[in-house]
Amino acid sequence: MRKKNMINLIPEKFKKELKQQAQQRLIFGVEGYFLLLLICFLVGLGLIYSFLWAELNFQKATLQGYRQGEEVVRLDAQIKELNDRALAVAKFKQGMTSQVGMLRKISDNLVSGIKISNITAKKNKDGLSYQIKITGLAKDNSSLFDFRSKLEGDKEISKLVIPDTLFLQDQDINFEISFEYKKL
């Protein structure tokens, strides 16, 4: 209330300046608030952009991890297949036997005058013995007889089959012998 009773002694020129200054302060204040609002808006947009960018990269990483997971599954399948093949080879190799013992046994029983042209070995169903077939040329029937005698005397050889008609020939006898070999 006191203001109303006061007498305003400020000249008109200064009053206009004061009014302009008050209007400028009002405009600067509004501009300041507007600038502050614009800065907050830009910071908000920046935060939204950062959030979306981070979410996008997270989704990319997740998708890439999923793809890598598919790759891992594919590689696991390939590794399993290769392991199965290796096991099959190992089983095959385990089922194989060295024929050195059989060949050594045959060479130990050879006599002079016998030439072997072919040896075949077939594993029997029991998996422990082999059916052996030998073809060759005997110089004479006495060499063939000595060879048969040595084979019959061997404990690891059984079921020896030599046709008796082979002994009717005197020289250059083509023969075929079969027997079962079982290492003791």
Protein backbone atom coordinates (compact mmCIF):
# COMPACT_ATOMS: atom_id res chain seq x y z
CA MET A 1 0.00 0.00 0.00
CA ARG A 2 2.73 2.33 0.56
CA LYS A 3 3.73 2.24 -3.06
CA LYS A 4 0.52 3.75 -4.28
CA ASN A 5 0.98 6.82 -2.22
CA MET A 6 4.48 7.36 -3.31
CA ILE A 7 5.20 10.07 -5.69
CA ASN A 8 7.13 8.99 -8.73
CA LEU A 9 9.85 11.57 -9.33
CA ILE A 10 11.64 9.65 -12.10
CA PRO A 11 11.60 11.42 -15.42
CA GLU A 12 9.61 9.94 -18.28
CA LYS A 13 12.73 9.12 -20.32
CA PHE A 14 14.13 6.94 -17.56
CA LYS A 15 10.77 5.31 -17.02
CA LYS A 16 10.79 4.15 -20.64
CA GLU A 17 14.30 2.79 -20.24
CA LEU A 18 13.38 0.99 -17.06
CA LYS A 19 10.30 -0.43 -18.79
CA GLN A 20 12.46 -1.59 -21.73
CA GLN A 21 14.98 -3.13 -19.35
CA ALA A 22 12.16 -4.94 -17.53
CA GLN A 23 10.83 -6.20 -20.86
CA GLN A 24 14.32 -7.29 -21.93
CA ARG A 25 14.78 -9.15 -18.63
CA LEU A 26 11.45 -10.84 -19.21
CA ILE A 27 12.44 -11.76 -22.78
CA PHE A 28 15.88 -12.99 -21.62
CA GLY A 29 14.21 -14.99 -18.88
CA VAL A 30 11.77 -16.56 -21.32
CA GLU A 31 14.64 -17.19 -23.76
CA GLY A 32 16.69 -18.72 -20.94
CA TYR A 33 13.85 -21.05 -19.99
CA PHE A 34 13.31 -21.87 -23.65
CA LEU A 35 17.05 -22.54 -24.09
CA LEU A 36 17.03 -24.68 -20.96
CA LEU A 37 14.00 -26.57 -22.26
CA LEU A 38 15.76 -27.05 -25.64
CA ILE A 39 18.91 -28.35 -23.91
CA CYS A 40 16.83 -30.77 -21.80
CA PHE A 41 15.04 -31.91 -24.95
CA LEU A 42 18.35 -32.52 -26.77
CA VAL A 43 19.81 -34.35 -23.76
CA GLY A 44 16.65 -36.47 -23.62
CA LEU A 45 16.96 -37.25 -27.33
CA GLY A 46 20.62 -38.15 -26.76
CA LEU A 47 19.68 -40.47 -23.91
CA ILE A 48 16.95 -42.11 -25.98
CA TYR A 49 19.40 -42.50 -28.89
CA SER A 50 22.02 -44.01 -26.54
CA PHE A 51 19.47 -46.41 -25.08
CA LEU A 52 18.26 -47.51 -28.52
CA TRP A 53 21.84 -47.85 -29.78
CA ALA A 54 22.77 -49.98 -26.74
CA GLU A 55 19.62 -52.11 -27.18
CA LEU A 56 20.38 -52.58 -30.87
CA ASN A 57 23.94 -53.72 -30.11
CA PHE A 58 22.62 -56.03 -27.40
CA GLN A 59 20.19 -57.57 -29.88
CA LYS A 60 22.98 -57.90 -32.46
CA ALA A 61 25.18 -59.63 -29.89
CA THR A 62 22.32 -61.93 -28.90
CA LEU A 63 21.64 -62.79 -32.53
CA GLN A 64 25.32 -63.30 -33.20
CA GLY A 65 25.52 -65.52 -30.12
CA TYR A 66 22.55 -67.48 -31.45
CA ARG A 67 24.28 -67.86 -34.80
CA GLN A 68 27.47 -68.90 -33.06
CA GLY A 69 25.37 -71.37 -31.09
CA GLU A 70 24.12 -72.83 -34.36
CA GLU A 71 27.73 -72.97 -35.55
CA VAL A 72 28.76 -74.75 -32.36
CA VAL A 73 25.92 -77.25 -32.82
CA ARG A 74 27.00 -77.85 -36.43
CA LEU A 75 30.65 -78.28 -35.38
CA ASP A 76 29.61 -80.62 -32.55
CA ALA A 77 27.72 -82.73 -35.09
CA GLN A 78 30.80 -82.85 -37.33
CA ILE A 79 33.02 -83.79 -34.38
CA LYS A 80 30.59 -86.55 -33.37
CA GLU A 81 30.58 -87.87 -36.94
CA LEU A 82 34.39 -87.86 -37.07
CA ASN A 83 34.56 -89.58 -33.68
CA ASP A 84 32.15 -92.25 -34.93
CA ARG A 85 34.34 -92.77 -37.98
CA ALA A 86 37.44 -93.00 -35.79
CA LEU A 87 35.69 -95.58 -33.58
CA ALA A 88 34.70 -97.56 -36.66
CA VAL A 89 38.31 -97.53 -37.87
CA ALA A 90 39.53 -98.52 -34.40
CA LYS A 91 37.02 -101.41 -34.27
CA PHE A 92 38.06 -102.48 -37.77
CA LYS A 93 41.72 -102.30 -36.80
CA GLN A 94 41.01 -104.19 -33.58
CA GLY A 95 39.27 -106.91 -35.59
CA MET A 96 42.26 -107.23 -37.87
CA THR A 97 44.96 -109.63 -36.92
CA SER A 98 48.53 -109.69 -37.88
CA GLN A 99 49.13 -112.44 -40.38
CA VAL A 100 52.81 -112.49 -39.58
CA GLY A 101 52.31 -115.43 -37.21
CA MET A 102 50.44 -117.44 -39.84
CA LEU A 103 53.03 -116.69 -42.51
CA ARG A 104 55.88 -117.53 -40.16
CA LYS A 105 54.16 -120.82 -39.27
CA ILE A 106 53.80 -121.69 -42.97
CA SER A 107 57.40 -120.75 -43.75
CA ASP A 108 58.64 -122.81 -40.78
CA ASN A 109 56.86 -125.84 -42.21
CA LEU A 110 58.09 -125.36 -45.78
CA VAL A 111 60.43 -127.93 -47.22
CA SER A 112 62.74 -127.67 -50.19
CA GLY A 113 61.04 -128.29 -53.51
CA ILE A 114 57.83 -126.42 -52.55
CA LYS A 115 57.03 -123.07 -54.13
CA ILE A 116 53.97 -121.21 -52.86
CA SER A 117 52.11 -119.04 -55.35
CA ASN A 118 49.13 -117.89 -53.26
CA ILE A 119 48.02 -117.84 -49.63
CA THR A 120 44.52 -116.76 -48.59
CA ALA A 121 43.26 -116.49 -45.03
CA LYS A 122 39.65 -116.12 -43.95
CA LYS A 123 38.65 -115.52 -40.35
CA ASN A 124 36.20 -118.09 -39.04
CA LYS A 125 32.98 -117.12 -37.26
CA ASP A 126 34.48 -117.90 -33.86
CA GLY A 127 36.95 -115.03 -34.44
CA LEU A 128 39.85 -117.08 -33.08
CA SER A 129 40.74 -119.36 -35.98
CA TYR A 130 41.38 -118.92 -39.70
CA GLN A 131 40.70 -121.00 -42.75
CA ILE A 132 43.93 -121.01 -44.77
CA LYS A 133 44.23 -122.01 -48.42
CA ILE A 134 47.66 -122.45 -50.05
CA THR A 135 48.30 -123.01 -53.74
CA GLY A 136 51.67 -123.67 -55.23
CA LEU A 137 54.01 -125.99 -57.14
CA ALA A 138 55.79 -129.04 -55.70
CA LYS A 139 58.97 -130.29 -57.38
CA ASP A 140 57.97 -133.90 -56.75
CA ASN A 141 55.54 -135.95 -54.69
CA SER A 142 58.08 -136.62 -51.91
CA SER A 143 58.46 -132.85 -51.30
CA LEU A 144 54.67 -132.56 -51.12
CA PHE A 145 54.50 -135.54 -48.75
CA ASP A 146 57.18 -133.99 -46.46
CA PHE A 147 55.29 -130.67 -46.48
CA ARG A 148 52.05 -132.43 -45.55
CA SER A 149 53.79 -134.34 -42.75
CA LYS A 150 55.23 -131.16 -41.24
CA LEU A 151 51.84 -129.44 -41.38
CA GLU A 152 50.12 -132.44 -39.76
CA GLY A 153 52.69 -132.40 -36.94
CA ASP A 154 52.02 -128.77 -36.06
CA LYS A 155 49.67 -128.29 -33.07
CA GLU A 156 48.24 -124.98 -34.34
CA ILE A 157 47.12 -126.55 -37.65
CA SER A 158 44.04 -128.75 -37.87
CA LYS A 159 41.58 -130.05 -40.47
CA LEU A 160 44.30 -130.39 -43.11
CA VAL A 161 42.90 -131.23 -46.57
CA ILE A 162 45.24 -132.43 -49.34
CA PRO A 163 43.69 -134.47 -52.15
CA ASP A 164 45.33 -137.91 -52.35
CA THR A 165 45.28 -137.74 -56.15
CA LEU A 166 48.10 -135.19 -55.99
CA PHE A 167 50.50 -137.89 -54.84
CA LEU A 168 49.88 -139.94 -58.00
CA GLN A 169 51.88 -137.45 -60.05
CA ASP A 170 55.68 -137.77 -59.91
CA GLN A 171 56.95 -134.25 -60.72
CA ASP A 172 55.81 -130.61 -61.11
CA ILE A 173 52.64 -130.97 -59.06
CA ASN A 174 50.27 -128.01 -58.87
CA PHE A 175 48.66 -128.32 -55.46
CA GLU A 176 45.99 -126.73 -53.33
CA ILE A 177 46.02 -127.30 -49.56
CA SER A 178 43.52 -126.03 -47.03
CA PHE A 179 43.62 -126.16 -43.26
CA GLU A 180 42.48 -124.38 -40.12
CA TYR A 181 45.00 -122.30 -38.19
CA LYS A 182 44.43 -121.41 -34.55
CA LYS A 183 47.15 -119.71 -32.54
CA LEU A 184 47.56 -121.39 -29.17
